[in-house]
Protein backbone atom coordinates (compact mmCIF):
# COMPACT_ATOMS: atom_id res chain seq x y z
CA UNK A 1 153.30 -109.94 132.16
CA UNK A 2 154.29 -113.63 132.47
CA UNK A 3 153.91 -115.26 135.88
CA UNK A 4 156.03 -117.77 137.75
CA UNK A 5 155.18 -119.64 140.94
CA UNK A 6 158.08 -120.34 143.29
CA UNK A 7 157.74 -122.60 146.30
CA UNK A 8 160.25 -122.22 149.08
CA UNK A 9 160.88 -123.64 152.54
CA UNK A 10 163.24 -121.10 154.07
CA UNK A 11 162.28 -117.49 154.90
CA UNK A 12 165.73 -116.37 153.78
CA UNK A 13 164.86 -117.45 150.25
CA UNK A 14 161.92 -115.05 150.22
CA UNK A 15 164.10 -112.25 151.57
CA UNK A 16 166.65 -112.87 148.81
CA UNK A 17 163.92 -112.85 146.16
CA UNK A 18 162.60 -109.54 147.49
CA UNK A 19 166.10 -108.07 147.24
CA UNK A 20 166.47 -109.36 143.68
CA UNK A 21 163.10 -107.91 142.74
CA UNK A 22 164.37 -104.40 143.42
CA UNK A 23 167.20 -104.80 140.91
CA UNK A 24 165.60 -107.00 138.24
CA UNK A 25 162.19 -105.28 138.02
CA UNK A 26 159.76 -108.03 139.03
CA UNK A 27 157.05 -108.13 141.65
CA UNK A 28 156.22 -110.62 144.39
CA UNK A 29 152.61 -111.30 145.33
CA UNK A 30 151.49 -113.48 148.20
CA UNK A 31 148.45 -115.59 147.39
CA UNK A 32 146.27 -117.53 149.74
CA UNK A 33 145.28 -121.04 148.83
CA UNK A 34 141.64 -121.06 147.85
CA UNK A 35 139.18 -123.91 147.75
CA UNK A 36 138.12 -125.02 144.34
CA UNK A 37 134.70 -123.72 143.56
CA UNK A 38 131.87 -125.60 141.94
CA UNK A 39 131.48 -125.15 138.21
CA UNK A 40 129.12 -126.31 135.47
CA UNK A 41 129.82 -128.26 132.31
CA UNK A 42 126.84 -128.52 129.97
CA UNK A 43 124.41 -128.16 132.84
CA UNK A 44 126.15 -130.68 135.13
CA UNK A 45 127.51 -129.25 138.38
CA UNK A 46 131.02 -130.41 139.20
CA UNK A 47 131.81 -130.37 142.92
CA UNK A 48 135.37 -130.76 144.24
CA UNK A 49 136.07 -134.04 146.01
CA UNK A 50 135.68 -134.26 149.76
CA UNK A 51 138.46 -136.25 151.40
CA UNK A 52 136.39 -136.82 154.53
CA UNK A 53 134.10 -139.33 152.76
CA UNK A 54 134.73 -142.90 153.92
CA UNK A 55 134.69 -145.34 150.99
CA UNK A 56 135.85 -148.44 152.87
CA UNK A 57 132.35 -149.94 152.78
CA UNK A 58 132.52 -149.98 148.99
CA UNK A 59 135.76 -151.98 148.96
CA UNK A 60 133.90 -155.17 149.90
CA UNK A 61 131.49 -154.71 147.01
CA UNK A 62 134.09 -154.12 144.28
CA UNK A 63 137.22 -155.93 145.52
CA UNK A 64 138.25 -159.19 143.85
CA UNK A 65 135.39 -159.01 141.35
CA UNK A 66 136.01 -159.56 137.69
CA UNK A 67 133.90 -156.65 136.49
CA UNK A 68 134.77 -155.47 133.01
CA UNK A 69 133.72 -152.05 131.79
CA UNK A 70 132.39 -153.43 128.50
CA UNK A 71 130.18 -155.97 130.27
CA UNK A 72 128.94 -153.33 132.73
CA UNK A 73 127.97 -150.99 129.87
CA UNK A 74 126.13 -153.74 128.03
CA UNK A 75 124.18 -155.01 131.04
CA UNK A 76 123.54 -152.05 133.31
CA UNK A 77 123.70 -148.88 131.28
CA UNK A 78 121.47 -149.68 128.34
CA UNK A 79 118.24 -147.77 127.94
CA UNK A 80 115.06 -149.76 127.77
CA UNK A 81 112.87 -148.97 124.79
C-alpha cells in the first residue's frame, strides 16, 4: 500500500483526517521520530552528525585562506612511495 506523510499544526486537522479515514478506507499511524542509526559503507562506519560539537576554533584556521581543493590534493593527500 502506498504511504503518505502529512504534517499538521492543528489537532482539528488530525480529527478530520480520522473521520475521512473511516469513509475513504485509509489508515493513520502515529510514528515517533527516531535517531538515525550508524551504518556501514564498504567497511566505513557512518555516524550521524552531532550538533553539540563546537567548530568555532576551526574558523580561525580556515577563514580567509585561499585553499584550493586541487592544490590540497596535490600537496597533502599524495601517498609517498
